[in-house]
Amino acid sequence: MSVLVVGLSHRSAPVAVLERAAVSGDALVKLLRDVAHADNVAGTFAVSTCNRVEVYAEVDKFHAGVSSICEMLARHGGIALPELTPHLYVHYEDAAVQHLLSMTCGLESMVVGESQILGQVRRALALARKHQTLGRTLDDLGALALRTAKRAHAETGIDRAGANLVTVGLGLAAARLRTAPDPAGPLRGLRVLVVGAGSMSALAVATAARLGADSIVVANRTKDHAERLAVAARGTTADLRDLGAALAAADLVISCTGAAGLVIPADLVAGALRAREDPDGAGRALVFLDLALPRDVDSGAAGLPGVSVISLESLQDAGAALTAAHAEDVAAVRAIVTEELAARVSARHAARVAPTVAALRAKAGEVVEAELARLAGKLGEIDDRARAEIAQAMHRVMDKLLHAPTVRVKELAGSPGGDSYEAALRVLFDLDPGAVEAVTRADAGPVAGGPPPAALPEQEAR
């Protein structure tokens, strides 16, 4: 089986297309199950964020796998396939693994280096594991990606670049609400309304509090979730059914729900503006930071007097500027990704020849034991200590003779013509092909979280 990724992101598609392709909740689970049940697919997981929608899969046929996943992305996104296809990218085998590692490290994010993607990939893997669509190979690759990202954040200064979308967005919002920076805090004296109570909203609440917001109100469909976030920032909650009143009282609105349609239509904003006018008729500025995909805030609201909407499109230029400013850190993370990928490739090649090496050692061990049995008959009665010394010496000789060729064949396995070295080892030592195959089957083992290989014949090619 081979690893394949098909997806689209802020780099390949406009936000309008990303909005339509986005999947979450039950729709994401249905996508996982449909891909998992497709022909030629042995396992899958999907990463769906405000920046991207990507499907990872183990496939035994490249073209069939790409075709199936493209069709399902179009169907679940409600987009005609010819319209979606120009925005899709495809990575296969080592390129797919490299993309996963880079993406999890934050190198493919709108704000390069942001650490939120680490949690998003972890949740994507957990969801696939929960619904039994993951498979052993992708589970192992997911663990490698998470480990690589943790290493990148620990060993480089990428965190300096990767503030996150919320921090960058709040910086833009503060600049639009103030004529000059406030040294006491960018949001000091401002009233902030956060719409939604997911992980992005939690980050928004915490960041707004850290930046000195005068008050924070959380509005969400589920009151308990809103209260949990509000209490952490000493804020209050609002009912979504009375969102207009909450908008009227706010200076900055951060919206990041998972709703399929608009949460804040333009007419609701217009009503809030009328309700907040000062006696002299001069309305206060109102800024929306819309981090949702699909968008929460009606784009028409930006045309209302005193209203400014910062959308995901607005954040792309700011993210590009941050990336340029931290080019050295980005290069350091890319080096880590390259190193981890090379180690995986080397280990994979070594694993491919491991059954031949194991069969060779087993055959050599049998020869040694046969010679020890023959020698025992010739030497007659000797004490156990002497017998053990002789056996140990013969095994040491065997190990020393086999060490160089077995290590070298593993090293050469990844070089051009690597298969020929393994074949030469089999011929030179007259290894039984059946013995090598037996070791291969034993190494395959059961699929994590599933039945043994005998019940899953399509995975034996691994």
Protein backbone atom coordinates (compact mmCIF):
# COMPACT_ATOMS: atom_id res chain seq x y z
CA MET A 1 0.00 0.00 0.00
CA SER A 2 1.11 3.59 -0.67
CA VAL A 3 0.33 6.91 1.00
CA LEU A 4 -1.69 9.49 -0.92
CA VAL A 5 -2.96 12.96 -0.02
CA VAL A 6 -5.52 14.93 -2.02
CA GLY A 7 -6.58 18.35 -0.83
CA LEU A 8 -6.91 22.08 -1.25
CA SER A 9 -5.71 24.95 0.90
CA HIS A 10 -5.44 28.74 1.07
CA ARG A 11 -2.46 28.39 -1.28
CA SER A 12 -4.35 26.56 -4.00
CA ALA A 13 -7.91 27.88 -3.73
CA PRO A 14 -9.71 31.13 -2.95
CA VAL A 15 -11.55 31.31 0.37
CA ALA A 16 -14.88 31.13 -1.45
CA VAL A 17 -13.98 27.64 -2.72
CA LEU A 18 -12.53 26.58 0.64
CA GLU A 19 -15.79 27.61 2.30
CA ARG A 20 -17.80 25.30 0.09
CA ALA A 21 -15.35 22.41 0.42
CA ALA A 22 -15.08 22.62 4.22
CA VAL A 23 -16.43 19.63 6.15
CA SER A 24 -16.90 19.23 9.89
CA GLY A 25 -18.95 17.31 12.42
CA ASP A 26 -21.11 14.54 10.99
CA ALA A 27 -20.19 15.51 7.43
CA LEU A 28 -16.52 14.86 8.19
CA VAL A 29 -17.33 11.45 9.67
CA LYS A 30 -19.35 10.55 6.56
CA LEU A 31 -16.45 11.61 4.34
CA LEU A 32 -14.06 9.40 6.34
CA ARG A 33 -16.36 6.40 6.08
CA ASP A 34 -16.98 6.86 2.37
CA VAL A 35 -13.26 7.09 1.62
CA ALA A 36 -12.48 4.11 3.88
CA HIS A 37 -15.04 1.96 2.05
CA ALA A 38 -13.83 2.91 -1.41
CA ASP A 39 -12.09 0.31 -3.55
CA ASN A 40 -8.30 0.32 -3.28
CA VAL A 41 -8.31 2.20 0.06
CA ALA A 42 -7.08 0.51 3.27
CA GLY A 43 -7.15 3.46 5.67
CA THR A 44 -7.79 7.21 5.82
CA PHE A 45 -7.96 10.36 7.91
CA ALA A 46 -8.87 13.95 7.00
CA VAL A 47 -7.64 17.34 8.18
CA SER A 48 -10.25 20.08 7.81
CA THR A 49 -9.39 23.55 9.17
CA CYS A 50 -9.92 27.17 8.21
CA ASN A 51 -6.85 26.86 5.97
CA ARG A 52 -7.34 23.50 4.28
CA VAL A 53 -9.27 20.32 3.56
CA GLU A 54 -7.00 17.31 3.03
CA VAL A 55 -7.70 13.59 2.78
CA TYR A 56 -4.87 11.15 3.52
CA ALA A 57 -5.28 7.55 2.42
CA GLU A 58 -3.46 4.24 2.06
CA VAL A 59 -4.09 3.06 -1.50
CA ASP A 60 -2.91 0.20 -3.66
CA LYS A 61 -3.65 2.02 -6.94
CA PHE A 62 -2.66 5.65 -7.45
CA HIS A 63 -5.07 6.75 -10.19
CA ALA A 64 -8.06 4.91 -8.73
CA GLY A 65 -7.35 6.39 -5.30
CA VAL A 66 -7.06 9.95 -6.63
CA SER A 67 -10.24 9.58 -8.65
CA SER A 68 -12.26 8.24 -5.71
CA ILE A 69 -11.09 10.91 -3.25
CA CYS A 70 -11.63 13.78 -5.71
CA GLU A 71 -15.17 12.59 -6.39
CA MET A 72 -15.93 12.34 -2.67
CA LEU A 73 -14.50 15.79 -1.87
CA ALA A 74 -16.69 17.25 -4.60
CA ARG A 75 -19.78 15.35 -3.47
CA HIS A 76 -19.43 16.17 0.22
CA GLY A 77 -18.62 19.80 -0.54
CA GLY A 78 -21.47 20.18 -2.99
CA ILE A 79 -19.08 21.38 -5.70
CA ALA A 80 -19.06 20.20 -9.30
CA LEU A 81 -15.92 18.13 -9.86
CA PRO A 82 -14.72 20.20 -12.88
CA GLU A 83 -15.00 23.31 -10.69
CA LEU A 84 -13.09 21.76 -7.78
CA THR A 85 -10.33 19.94 -9.67
CA PRO A 86 -8.24 23.02 -10.65
CA HIS A 87 -7.77 23.84 -6.96
CA LEU A 88 -6.73 20.37 -5.79
CA TYR A 89 -3.18 19.17 -5.19
CA VAL A 90 -1.97 15.58 -4.99
CA HIS A 91 1.08 14.17 -3.20
CA TYR A 92 2.12 10.52 -3.31
CA GLU A 93 4.45 8.27 -1.31
CA ASP A 94 7.45 10.18 0.14
CA ALA A 95 6.07 13.51 -1.15
CA ALA A 96 2.83 12.84 0.74
CA VAL A 97 4.76 12.07 3.94
CA GLN A 98 6.86 15.21 3.53
CA HIS A 99 3.72 17.29 3.06
CA LEU A 100 2.16 15.83 6.23
CA LEU A 101 5.28 16.59 8.28
CA SER A 102 5.57 20.13 6.88
CA MET A 103 1.89 20.82 7.41
CA THR A 104 1.93 19.56 11.02
CA CYS A 105 4.98 21.74 11.75
CA GLY A 106 2.99 24.77 10.57
CA LEU A 107 5.02 25.38 7.42
CA GLU A 108 1.92 25.20 5.18
CA SER A 109 -0.27 27.42 7.39
CA MET A 110 -1.50 30.90 6.56
CA VAL A 111 0.56 32.10 9.52
CA VAL A 112 3.68 29.95 9.11
CA GLY A 113 4.80 28.26 12.32
CA GLU A 114 1.47 28.50 14.18
CA SER A 115 1.09 25.67 16.66
CA GLN A 116 -2.68 25.22 16.44
CA ILE A 117 -2.29 22.85 13.52
CA LEU A 118 -0.54 20.41 15.85
CA GLY A 119 -3.74 19.98 17.86
CA GLN A 120 -5.87 19.89 14.73
CA VAL A 121 -3.85 17.01 13.26
CA ARG A 122 -3.97 15.19 16.61
CA ARG A 123 -7.78 15.52 16.65
CA ALA A 124 -8.03 14.39 13.01
CA LEU A 125 -6.10 11.22 13.84
CA ALA A 126 -8.19 10.62 16.95
CA LEU A 127 -11.43 10.98 14.97
CA ALA A 128 -10.26 8.47 12.35
CA ARG A 129 -9.09 6.11 15.08
CA LYS A 130 -12.46 6.40 16.83
CA HIS A 131 -14.34 5.48 13.65
CA GLN A 132 -11.82 2.76 12.74
CA THR A 133 -10.76 4.26 9.42
CA LEU A 134 -7.11 4.99 10.24
CA GLY A 135 -5.06 1.84 9.58
CA ARG A 136 -1.62 1.06 10.93
CA THR A 137 0.50 2.86 8.34
CA LEU A 138 -1.31 6.19 8.68
CA ASP A 139 -1.39 5.82 12.46
CA ASP A 140 2.41 5.46 12.44
CA LEU A 141 2.78 8.40 10.05
CA GLY A 142 0.55 10.53 12.25
CA ALA A 143 2.73 9.75 15.25
CA LEU A 144 5.81 10.68 13.20
CA ALA A 145 4.21 13.98 12.14
CA LEU A 146 3.30 14.93 15.71
CA ARG A 147 6.76 13.98 16.95
CA THR A 148 8.42 16.01 14.19
CA ALA A 149 6.29 19.07 14.96
CA LYS A 150 7.11 18.88 18.68
CA ARG A 151 10.78 18.65 17.80
CA ALA A 152 10.50 21.66 15.47
CA HIS A 153 8.92 23.81 18.16
CA ALA A 154 11.45 22.67 20.77
CA GLU A 155 14.62 22.98 18.67
CA THR A 156 13.96 26.11 16.57
CA GLY A 157 12.56 29.59 17.01
CA ILE A 158 9.57 28.90 14.76
CA ASP A 159 7.25 29.88 17.62
CA ARG A 160 8.43 33.46 17.15
CA ALA A 161 7.01 33.38 13.63
CA GLY A 162 3.92 31.35 14.39
CA ALA A 163 1.88 33.67 16.54
CA ASN A 164 -1.40 32.17 15.19
CA LEU A 165 -4.32 33.55 13.22
CA VAL A 166 -5.98 34.99 16.31
CA THR A 167 -2.97 37.04 17.39
CA VAL A 168 -2.33 38.34 13.88
CA GLY A 169 -6.03 39.13 13.41
CA LEU A 170 -6.29 40.95 16.72
CA GLY A 171 -3.25 43.02 15.80
CA LEU A 172 -5.00 44.13 12.60
CA ALA A 173 -8.24 44.77 14.49
CA ALA A 174 -6.52 46.92 17.12
CA ALA A 175 -4.92 48.99 14.36
CA ARG A 176 -8.35 49.68 12.87
CA LEU A 177 -9.91 50.59 16.23
CA ARG A 178 -7.14 52.88 17.44
CA THR A 179 -5.33 55.83 15.90
CA ALA A 180 -2.19 54.98 17.91
CA PRO A 181 -0.92 51.90 19.77
CA ASP A 182 -1.75 51.71 23.48
CA PRO A 183 1.36 50.72 25.51
CA ALA A 184 -0.90 49.30 28.24
CA GLY A 185 -2.33 46.71 25.83
CA PRO A 186 -3.59 46.69 22.21
CA LEU A 187 -7.18 45.99 23.34
CA ARG A 188 -7.23 48.07 26.52
CA GLY A 189 -10.60 49.73 27.04
CA LEU A 190 -12.26 47.76 24.24
CA ARG A 191 -15.29 45.49 24.58
CA VAL A 192 -14.84 42.14 22.85
CA LEU A 193 -17.56 39.72 21.78
CA VAL A 194 -16.51 36.16 20.89
CA VAL A 195 -19.07 34.15 18.91
CA GLY A 196 -18.54 30.39 19.21
CA ALA A 197 -16.99 28.21 21.90
CA GLY A 198 -14.66 25.80 20.08
CA SER A 199 -10.88 25.58 20.28
CA MET A 200 -10.36 28.70 18.12
CA SER A 201 -12.81 30.64 20.30
CA ALA A 202 -10.97 29.49 23.42
CA LEU A 203 -7.75 30.85 21.96
CA ALA A 204 -9.51 34.09 21.02
CA VAL A 205 -10.84 34.57 24.57
CA ALA A 206 -7.45 33.88 26.16
CA THR A 207 -5.60 36.15 23.73
CA ALA A 208 -8.10 39.02 24.06
CA ALA A 209 -7.77 38.84 27.85
CA ARG A 210 -3.96 38.82 27.63
CA LEU A 211 -4.03 41.86 25.32
CA GLY A 212 -6.00 43.88 27.88
CA ALA A 213 -9.62 43.78 26.64
CA ASP A 214 -11.88 45.77 28.97
CA SER A 215 -14.64 43.14 28.84
CA ILE A 216 -15.20 39.83 27.09
CA VAL A 217 -18.59 38.32 26.23
CA VAL A 218 -18.96 34.80 24.81
CA ALA A 219 -22.01 33.88 22.74
CA ASN A 220 -22.69 30.27 21.80
CA ARG A 221 -25.59 27.92 21.16
CA THR A 222 -24.55 25.73 24.10
CA LYS A 223 -24.56 27.88 27.23
CA ASP A 224 -22.33 25.57 29.26
CA HIS A 225 -19.54 25.83 26.70
CA ALA A 226 -19.83 29.62 26.60
CA GLU A 227 -19.72 29.85 30.39
CA ARG A 228 -16.60 27.69 30.57
CA LEU A 229 -14.71 30.07 28.28
CA ALA A 230 -16.10 33.22 29.87
CA VAL A 231 -15.21 32.19 33.43
CA ALA A 232 -11.59 31.60 32.42
CA ALA A 233 -11.34 35.26 31.30
CA ARG A 234 -13.65 36.72 33.97
CA GLY A 235 -16.14 37.50 31.25
CA THR A 236 -19.86 37.01 30.72
CA THR A 237 -22.08 35.15 28.26
CA ALA A 238 -24.79 36.14 25.81
CA ASP A 239 -27.60 34.20 24.16
CA LEU A 240 -27.22 33.76 20.40
CA ARG A 241 -30.93 34.51 20.10
CA ASP A 242 -30.14 38.02 21.34
CA LEU A 243 -26.98 38.44 19.30
CA GLY A 244 -28.04 41.86 18.01
CA ALA A 245 -27.88 43.40 21.49
CA ALA A 246 -24.45 41.82 22.08
CA LEU A 247 -23.20 43.28 18.78
CA ALA A 248 -24.49 46.72 19.73
CA ALA A 249 -22.45 46.67 22.93
CA ALA A 250 -19.18 45.48 21.33
CA ASP A 251 -16.23 47.22 19.72
CA LEU A 252 -14.64 44.06 18.38
CA VAL A 253 -16.42 40.84 17.37
CA ILE A 254 -14.40 37.66 16.89
CA SER A 255 -16.46 34.97 15.20
CA CYS A 256 -15.27 31.39 14.70
CA THR A 257 -18.18 28.96 14.77
CA GLY A 258 -18.54 25.74 12.80
CA ALA A 259 -21.91 26.76 11.34
CA ALA A 260 -22.66 25.84 7.74
CA GLY A 261 -24.25 29.24 6.93
CA LEU A 262 -23.96 32.89 7.94
CA VAL A 263 -24.21 33.56 11.67
CA ILE A 264 -24.05 37.37 11.45
CA PRO A 265 -26.05 38.68 8.47
CA ALA A 266 -25.67 42.29 7.30
CA ASP A 267 -29.18 43.31 8.42
CA LEU A 268 -28.40 42.17 11.99
CA VAL A 269 -25.27 44.34 11.95
CA ALA A 270 -27.25 47.29 10.59
CA GLY A 271 -29.76 46.95 13.44
CA ALA A 272 -26.95 46.80 15.98
CA LEU A 273 -25.45 50.00 14.55
CA ARG A 274 -28.74 51.84 14.96
CA ALA A 275 -29.01 50.64 18.55
CA ARG A 276 -25.49 51.83 19.45
CA GLU A 277 -25.56 55.37 17.99
CA ASP A 278 -24.45 58.12 20.33
CA PRO A 279 -26.90 60.96 21.07
CA ASP A 280 -25.12 63.24 18.63
CA GLY A 281 -25.51 60.64 15.89
CA ALA A 282 -21.84 59.66 15.64
CA GLY A 283 -21.57 55.86 15.75
CA ARG A 284 -18.57 54.03 17.20
CA ALA A 285 -16.41 51.87 14.97
CA LEU A 286 -17.22 48.16 14.91
CA VAL A 287 -14.64 45.63 13.74
CA PHE A 288 -15.36 41.98 12.89
CA LEU A 289 -12.59 39.36 12.90
CA ASP A 290 -14.08 36.42 11.00
CA LEU A 291 -11.95 33.29 11.43
CA ALA A 292 -14.63 30.79 10.42
CA LEU A 293 -14.72 28.58 7.36
CA PRO A 294 -17.32 28.86 5.93
CA ARG A 295 -17.44 32.53 6.92
CA ASP A 296 -19.70 33.62 9.77
CA VAL A 297 -20.00 37.30 8.88
CA ASP A 298 -21.91 38.53 5.84
CA SER A 299 -19.41 40.24 3.51
CA GLY A 300 -22.06 42.89 2.93
CA ALA A 301 -21.56 44.13 6.50
CA ALA A 302 -18.26 45.71 5.42
CA GLY A 303 -20.22 48.26 3.39
CA LEU A 304 -22.02 49.64 6.42
CA PRO A 305 -20.74 52.93 7.90
CA GLY A 306 -18.11 52.47 10.60
CA VAL A 307 -17.89 48.68 10.06
CA SER A 308 -14.71 46.85 9.15
CA VAL A 309 -14.49 43.09 8.43
CA ILE A 310 -11.17 41.26 8.72
CA SER A 311 -11.55 37.94 6.93
CA LEU A 312 -9.21 35.05 6.22
CA GLU A 313 -8.26 36.73 2.94
CA SER A 314 -7.12 39.78 4.92
CA LEU A 315 -4.80 37.64 7.01
CA GLN A 316 -2.90 36.11 4.09
CA ASP A 317 -0.71 39.17 3.46
CA ALA A 318 0.05 39.55 7.17
CA GLY A 319 1.01 35.87 7.33
CA ALA A 320 3.31 36.25 4.33
CA ALA A 321 5.08 39.18 6.01
CA LEU A 322 5.67 37.12 9.16
CA THR A 323 7.08 34.27 7.10
CA ALA A 324 9.57 36.57 5.38
CA ALA A 325 10.64 38.04 8.72
CA HIS A 326 11.47 34.60 10.15
CA ALA A 327 13.03 32.93 7.13
CA GLU A 328 15.90 31.49 9.21
CA ASP A 329 13.53 29.71 11.60
CA VAL A 330 11.47 28.38 8.70
CA ALA A 331 14.63 27.01 7.07
CA ALA A 332 15.60 25.28 10.33
CA VAL A 333 12.22 23.54 10.51
CA ARG A 334 12.46 22.47 6.89
CA ALA A 335 15.83 20.88 7.71
CA ILE A 336 14.21 18.91 10.55
CA VAL A 337 11.45 17.73 8.22
CA THR A 338 14.05 16.63 5.66
CA GLU A 339 16.01 14.76 8.35
CA GLU A 340 12.94 12.96 9.70
CA LEU A 341 11.79 12.02 6.21
CA ALA A 342 15.25 10.67 5.33
CA ALA A 343 15.27 8.59 8.53
CA ARG A 344 11.86 7.14 7.67
CA VAL A 345 12.93 6.31 4.12
CA SER A 346 16.09 4.64 5.40
CA ALA A 347 14.15 2.64 7.99
CA ARG A 348 11.64 1.56 5.36
CA HIS A 349 14.37 0.29 3.06
CA ALA A 350 16.05 -1.51 5.96
CA ALA A 351 12.72 -3.08 6.91
CA ARG A 352 12.30 -4.35 3.36
CA VAL A 353 15.49 -6.41 3.54
CA ALA A 354 15.02 -7.37 7.20
CA PRO A 355 13.25 -10.69 6.35
CA THR A 356 16.23 -11.73 4.21
CA VAL A 357 18.64 -10.79 7.01
CA ALA A 358 16.54 -12.67 9.56
CA ALA A 359 16.38 -15.75 7.32
CA LEU A 360 20.17 -15.62 6.84
CA ARG A 361 20.79 -15.43 10.59
CA ALA A 362 18.31 -18.23 11.21
CA LYS A 363 20.10 -20.45 8.65
CA ALA A 364 23.49 -19.62 10.14
CA GLY A 365 22.15 -20.41 13.59
CA GLU A 366 20.96 -23.80 12.39
CA VAL A 367 24.41 -24.55 10.93
CA VAL A 368 26.07 -23.61 14.24
CA GLU A 369 23.70 -25.79 16.26
CA ALA A 370 24.25 -28.72 13.90
CA GLU A 371 28.02 -28.36 14.22
CA LEU A 372 27.76 -28.12 18.01
CA ALA A 373 25.75 -31.36 18.07
CA ARG A 374 28.32 -33.07 15.83
CA LEU A 375 31.19 -31.78 17.95
CA ALA A 376 29.53 -33.00 21.16
CA GLY A 377 29.56 -36.55 19.81
CA LYS A 378 33.28 -36.37 18.99
CA LEU A 379 34.53 -34.70 22.18
CA GLY A 380 32.79 -37.09 24.50
CA GLU A 381 32.32 -36.07 28.11
CA ILE A 382 33.19 -32.38 28.81
CA ASP A 383 31.92 -30.17 31.60
CA ASP A 384 29.03 -27.77 31.06
CA ARG A 385 31.23 -24.70 31.38
CA ALA A 386 33.50 -25.81 28.54
CA ARG A 387 30.50 -26.75 26.41
CA ALA A 388 28.99 -23.27 26.96
CA GLU A 389 32.31 -21.59 26.09
CA ILE A 390 32.55 -23.52 22.81
CA ALA A 391 28.93 -22.66 21.88
CA GLN A 392 29.46 -19.01 22.73
CA ALA A 393 32.65 -18.85 20.65
CA MET A 394 30.96 -20.36 17.59
CA HIS A 395 28.02 -17.93 17.86
CA ARG A 396 30.45 -15.01 18.19
CA VAL A 397 32.23 -16.14 15.02
CA MET A 398 28.86 -16.36 13.24
CA ASP A 399 27.83 -12.89 14.42
CA LYS A 400 31.13 -11.32 13.35
CA LEU A 401 31.05 -12.92 9.92
CA LEU A 402 27.43 -11.85 9.29
CA HIS A 403 27.64 -8.38 10.79
CA ALA A 404 29.28 -6.59 7.83
CA PRO A 405 27.16 -8.07 5.01
CA THR A 406 23.86 -7.66 6.89
CA VAL A 407 24.56 -4.07 7.94
CA ARG A 408 25.81 -3.20 4.49
CA VAL A 409 22.80 -4.67 2.68
CA LYS A 410 20.50 -2.53 4.86
CA GLU A 411 22.53 0.57 4.00
CA LEU A 412 22.50 -0.25 0.29
CA ALA A 413 18.79 -1.06 0.23
CA GLY A 414 17.90 2.57 -0.42
CA SER A 415 20.48 3.11 -3.15
CA PRO A 416 19.84 2.67 -6.88
CA GLY A 417 19.58 -1.04 -7.59
CA GLY A 418 19.18 -1.78 -3.89
CA ASP A 419 17.02 -4.82 -4.65
CA SER A 420 19.95 -6.49 -6.39
CA TYR A 421 22.01 -6.52 -3.20
CA GLU A 422 19.26 -8.32 -1.32
CA ALA A 423 18.89 -10.78 -4.21
CA ALA A 424 22.64 -11.41 -4.19
CA LEU A 425 22.51 -12.20 -0.47
CA ARG A 426 19.78 -14.77 -1.07
CA VAL A 427 21.74 -16.41 -3.90
CA LEU A 428 25.15 -16.40 -2.19
CA PHE A 429 23.81 -18.05 0.95
CA ASP A 430 21.26 -20.22 -0.85
CA LEU A 431 18.36 -18.95 1.24
CA ASP A 432 15.01 -20.69 0.95
CA PRO A 433 12.44 -18.18 -0.48
CA GLY A 434 9.81 -19.82 1.71
CA ALA A 435 11.80 -19.02 4.84
CA VAL A 436 12.09 -15.34 3.84
CA GLU A 437 8.35 -15.17 3.10
CA ALA A 438 7.56 -16.72 6.48
CA VAL A 439 9.53 -13.97 8.23
CA THR A 440 7.74 -11.31 6.14
CA ARG A 441 4.32 -12.63 7.21
CA ALA A 442 5.38 -12.81 10.85
CA ASP A 443 6.64 -9.20 10.76
CA ALA A 444 3.35 -7.92 9.32
CA GLY A 445 1.48 -8.55 12.57
CA PRO A 446 -2.09 -7.42 13.25
CA VAL A 447 -3.46 -4.06 12.18
CA ALA A 448 -3.68 -1.63 15.10
CA GLY A 449 -7.22 -1.59 16.43
CA GLY A 450 -8.40 -4.27 14.04
CA PRO A 451 -8.42 -7.98 13.25
CA PRO A 452 -5.31 -9.95 12.26
CA PRO A 453 -4.00 -9.80 8.68
CA ALA A 454 -5.78 -13.03 7.74
CA ALA A 455 -9.08 -11.16 8.05
CA LEU A 456 -7.79 -8.25 5.97
CA PRO A 457 -6.21 -9.71 2.83
CA GLU A 458 -6.10 -6.32 1.11
CA GLN A 459 -3.49 -5.15 3.67
CA GLU A 460 -1.02 -7.97 3.17
CA ALA A 461 0.78 -6.02 0.46
CA ARG A 462 2.16 -3.89 3.24
